[in-house]
Amino acid sequence: YTRVSPQLDILRKRHAQGKLVVAGTSAGNHAQGGGQWMGKPVPMIGGGDSYEALRGGFLEGTGPVVGTAVPNGDEPKYPAVTYSRGGLGFFHYGLLDSHFSTRAREGRLVRLTQESGMDYGFGVDENTALVVYRPDAAVVARFSVNGAAGVLIVDVRNAKTSGTDPGGYEIEGVRLHYLQAGDNASINKRGDLQVRLDKSRDVLPVAAA
């Protein structure tokens, strides 16, 4: 993240000035991460699935890592899920993940968000956009959702873990918010997350007899 090309520097400046919209899907989602959140570097998920993440944790690297054989040769040695320090630095409010509900990535997002010292993780579903608005006097960022599905926001500020050995990982105190089109969220200057759901979905349709 500290090595910036002249081209990326131009893009970041235009983005900060509100003169450039940056968007991406799949790897283009992940690459927008980076920078600092509350003095901590924001990592970028590089590969692996929830089973691997929950069983063995993460390795710092640049992409998926093939597991090596354990001494008895029965199964791969974990972890095989990687993260990297860096990204383009356009999104620094927490971790980003993609293809989220379709590929059941809740486990890897929760664990890496907590272990990396982040407060929040954002899992974006397919055919869906997490829209990020520029900060103002009251908030660091505002978010809304557009598209067919939703965005899961993982809040691990009060989470506690135990049993980090393979096969024994446990975490409790995680808060999850699933936002769909019409819902909004924001992070204030203290780093607190506020979620506002579209109340129109609270009214259930009545079927005619």
Protein backbone atom coordinates (compact mmCIF):
# COMPACT_ATOMS: atom_id res chain seq x y z
CA TYR A 1 0.00 0.00 0.00
CA THR A 2 2.89 2.39 0.62
CA ARG A 3 4.22 1.96 -2.93
CA VAL A 4 2.11 4.28 -5.07
CA SER A 5 2.48 4.78 -8.80
CA PRO A 6 1.89 8.25 -10.28
CA GLN A 7 -1.26 6.93 -11.95
CA LEU A 8 -2.71 5.58 -8.69
CA ASP A 9 -1.83 8.81 -6.91
CA ILE A 10 -3.85 10.75 -9.51
CA LEU A 11 -6.83 8.40 -9.10
CA ARG A 12 -6.75 8.73 -5.31
CA LYS A 13 -6.64 12.51 -5.45
CA ARG A 14 -9.56 12.70 -7.88
CA HIS A 15 -11.52 10.24 -5.78
CA ALA A 16 -10.88 12.26 -2.60
CA GLN A 17 -12.08 15.40 -4.40
CA GLY A 18 -15.34 13.74 -5.45
CA LYS A 19 -14.36 13.83 -9.12
CA LEU A 20 -14.04 10.08 -9.66
CA VAL A 21 -16.35 7.11 -9.03
CA VAL A 22 -14.53 3.83 -8.46
CA ALA A 23 -16.34 0.49 -8.80
CA GLY A 24 -15.43 -3.15 -9.15
CA THR A 25 -16.76 -6.67 -8.85
CA SER A 26 -15.16 -9.87 -7.55
CA ALA A 27 -11.40 -9.19 -7.38
CA GLY A 28 -12.23 -5.59 -8.28
CA ASN A 29 -14.18 -5.42 -5.02
CA HIS A 30 -11.34 -6.79 -2.90
CA ALA A 31 -8.70 -4.57 -4.51
CA GLN A 32 -10.43 -1.39 -3.37
CA GLY A 33 -9.44 -2.09 0.24
CA GLY A 34 -6.30 -0.92 1.99
CA GLY A 35 -5.21 2.13 3.88
CA GLN A 36 -5.69 2.54 7.63
CA TRP A 37 -8.65 2.09 9.95
CA MET A 38 -8.21 3.49 13.47
CA GLY A 39 -4.45 3.30 13.05
CA LYS A 40 -4.42 -0.31 11.79
CA PRO A 41 -3.66 -1.49 8.25
CA VAL A 42 -6.70 -2.77 6.36
CA PRO A 43 -5.95 -6.20 4.84
CA MET A 44 -7.29 -7.64 1.60
CA ILE A 45 -8.67 -11.20 1.42
CA GLY A 46 -6.71 -13.19 -1.13
CA GLY A 47 -8.38 -16.59 -1.33
CA GLY A 48 -9.81 -19.63 0.42
CA ASP A 49 -13.25 -20.45 1.78
CA SER A 50 -15.06 -20.34 5.11
CA TYR A 51 -14.26 -23.95 6.04
CA GLU A 52 -10.54 -23.37 5.64
CA ALA A 53 -10.70 -20.04 7.45
CA LEU A 54 -12.60 -21.40 10.45
CA ARG A 55 -10.47 -24.50 10.68
CA GLY A 56 -7.01 -23.01 10.27
CA GLY A 57 -7.02 -19.24 10.16
CA PHE A 58 -5.02 -17.18 7.70
CA LEU A 59 -1.60 -16.79 6.16
CA GLU A 60 -0.22 -13.48 4.99
CA GLY A 61 0.46 -13.83 1.28
CA THR A 62 -0.55 -12.78 -2.19
CA GLY A 63 -3.09 -15.41 -3.19
CA PRO A 64 -4.50 -18.88 -2.50
CA VAL A 65 -2.00 -21.30 -0.94
CA VAL A 66 -2.15 -25.03 -1.56
CA GLY A 67 -2.10 -26.92 1.73
CA THR A 68 0.96 -29.04 2.47
CA ALA A 69 0.68 -32.59 3.78
CA VAL A 70 0.72 -33.20 7.51
CA PRO A 71 3.14 -35.87 8.82
CA ASN A 72 0.57 -38.68 8.69
CA GLY A 73 -0.40 -37.70 5.16
CA ASP A 74 -4.14 -37.83 5.83
CA GLU A 75 -5.16 -34.31 4.87
CA PRO A 76 -3.80 -30.90 3.90
CA LYS A 77 -2.22 -28.73 6.54
CA TYR A 78 -4.17 -25.56 7.17
CA PRO A 79 -4.43 -22.61 6.76
CA ALA A 80 -4.95 -22.21 3.05
CA VAL A 81 -6.69 -18.82 3.29
CA THR A 82 -4.55 -15.77 2.63
CA TYR A 83 -4.64 -12.04 3.07
CA SER A 84 -2.33 -9.28 1.93
CA ARG A 85 -1.41 -5.90 3.31
CA GLY A 86 -2.55 -3.43 0.74
CA GLY A 87 -5.01 -2.70 -1.99
CA LEU A 88 -5.83 0.44 -3.89
CA GLY A 89 -6.91 2.23 -0.71
CA PHE A 90 -10.25 3.59 -1.88
CA PHE A 91 -12.18 1.73 0.84
CA HIS A 92 -10.64 1.73 4.31
CA TYR A 93 -13.67 1.24 6.58
CA GLY A 94 -13.06 -2.50 7.04
CA LEU A 95 -12.65 -5.70 5.05
CA LEU A 96 -14.39 -6.25 1.72
CA ASP A 97 -15.65 -9.58 0.43
CA SER A 98 -17.55 -10.52 -2.73
CA HIS A 99 -19.87 -13.23 -4.17
CA PHE A 100 -20.88 -13.32 -0.55
CA SER A 101 -24.09 -15.26 0.08
CA THR A 102 -23.70 -17.37 -3.05
CA ARG A 103 -20.35 -18.75 -1.86
CA ALA A 104 -21.11 -18.80 1.89
CA ARG A 105 -18.21 -16.57 2.87
CA GLU A 106 -19.51 -15.50 6.28
CA GLY A 107 -16.97 -17.59 8.17
CA ARG A 108 -13.86 -16.25 6.50
CA LEU A 109 -15.06 -12.63 6.71
CA VAL A 110 -15.91 -12.85 10.41
CA ARG A 111 -12.64 -14.51 11.38
CA LEU A 112 -10.30 -12.26 9.41
CA THR A 113 -12.18 -9.12 10.45
CA GLN A 114 -11.68 -10.03 14.10
CA GLU A 115 -8.12 -11.34 13.85
CA SER A 116 -6.89 -8.38 11.80
CA GLY A 117 -8.12 -5.88 14.38
CA MET A 118 -10.80 -4.40 12.15
CA ASP A 119 -14.18 -3.33 13.52
CA TYR A 120 -16.25 -4.11 10.44
CA GLY A 121 -16.39 -6.41 7.44
CA PHE A 122 -18.58 -5.87 4.37
CA GLY A 123 -19.78 -8.87 2.35
CA VAL A 124 -21.31 -7.84 -0.97
CA ASP A 125 -23.67 -10.23 -2.75
CA GLU A 126 -23.66 -10.87 -6.47
CA ASN A 127 -25.53 -8.38 -8.71
CA THR A 128 -25.46 -5.93 -5.80
CA ALA A 129 -23.58 -2.71 -5.08
CA LEU A 130 -22.47 -1.20 -1.78
CA VAL A 131 -22.61 2.54 -2.49
CA VAL A 132 -20.20 4.65 -0.41
CA TYR A 133 -20.79 8.38 -0.06
CA ARG A 134 -18.21 11.00 0.80
CA PRO A 135 -17.73 11.92 4.48
CA ASP A 136 -19.26 15.07 5.92
CA ALA A 137 -19.15 16.95 9.23
CA ALA A 138 -21.12 14.23 11.04
CA VAL A 139 -19.89 10.93 9.62
CA VAL A 140 -16.81 9.21 8.26
CA ALA A 141 -18.87 7.49 5.58
CA ARG A 142 -22.44 6.74 4.53
CA PHE A 143 -23.54 3.56 2.79
CA SER A 144 -26.54 2.41 0.80
CA VAL A 145 -27.34 -0.72 -1.19
CA ASN A 146 -28.48 -1.12 -4.79
CA GLY A 147 -29.21 -4.27 -6.70
CA ALA A 148 -30.80 -7.68 -6.51
CA ALA A 149 -29.61 -8.94 -3.12
CA GLY A 150 -27.83 -7.31 -0.18
CA VAL A 151 -24.71 -6.55 1.86
CA LEU A 152 -23.84 -8.20 5.17
CA ILE A 153 -22.03 -5.90 7.60
CA VAL A 154 -20.08 -7.79 10.26
CA ASP A 155 -19.47 -5.93 13.54
CA VAL A 156 -16.85 -7.65 15.74
CA ARG A 157 -16.09 -4.82 18.17
CA ASN A 158 -17.47 -6.83 21.10
CA ALA A 159 -16.57 -10.29 19.82
CA LYS A 160 -14.47 -12.73 21.83
CA THR A 161 -12.73 -15.84 20.55
CA SER A 162 -11.45 -19.08 22.00
CA GLY A 163 -9.98 -22.32 20.71
CA THR A 164 -7.85 -21.06 17.83
CA ASP A 165 -6.32 -24.49 17.15
CA PRO A 166 -7.50 -26.36 14.02
CA GLY A 167 -10.98 -27.71 14.60
CA GLY A 168 -11.60 -25.70 17.77
CA TYR A 169 -12.22 -22.11 16.75
CA GLU A 170 -15.10 -20.33 18.54
CA ILE A 171 -16.29 -16.74 18.41
CA GLU A 172 -19.19 -15.03 20.18
CA GLY A 173 -20.57 -11.51 20.38
CA VAL A 174 -20.57 -10.89 16.63
CA ARG A 175 -23.31 -8.56 15.37
CA LEU A 176 -24.59 -8.96 11.81
CA HIS A 177 -26.61 -6.48 9.74
CA TYR A 178 -28.01 -7.49 6.37
CA LEU A 179 -28.83 -4.44 4.26
CA GLN A 180 -30.92 -4.47 1.10
CA ALA A 181 -32.04 -1.80 -1.35
CA GLY A 182 -33.58 1.06 0.60
CA ASP A 183 -31.48 0.46 3.73
CA ASN A 184 -28.71 2.80 4.85
CA ALA A 185 -25.79 2.79 7.26
CA SER A 186 -23.14 5.22 8.44
CA ILE A 187 -20.03 5.32 10.59
CA ASN A 188 -19.67 8.38 12.81
CA LYS A 189 -16.50 10.17 13.86
CA ARG A 190 -16.11 7.87 16.89
CA GLY A 191 -16.18 4.82 14.63
CA ASP A 192 -19.69 3.71 15.66
CA LEU A 193 -21.89 1.98 13.09
CA GLN A 194 -25.49 3.14 12.70
CA VAL A 195 -27.96 1.16 10.57
CA ARG A 196 -31.33 2.40 9.27
CA LEU A 197 -33.57 -0.20 7.66
CA ASP A 198 -36.32 0.56 5.17
CA LYS A 199 -39.48 0.41 7.30
CA SER A 200 -41.68 -0.27 4.29
CA ARG A 201 -40.55 -3.92 4.39
CA ASP A 202 -42.08 -4.28 7.86
CA VAL A 203 -45.57 -4.20 6.29
CA LEU A 204 -46.47 -7.66 5.01
CA PRO A 205 -48.79 -7.95 2.01
CA VAL A 206 -52.27 -9.33 2.69
CA ALA A 207 -53.45 -12.00 0.27
CA ALA A 208 -56.96 -11.55 -1.06
CA ALA A 209 -59.36 -14.39 -0.37
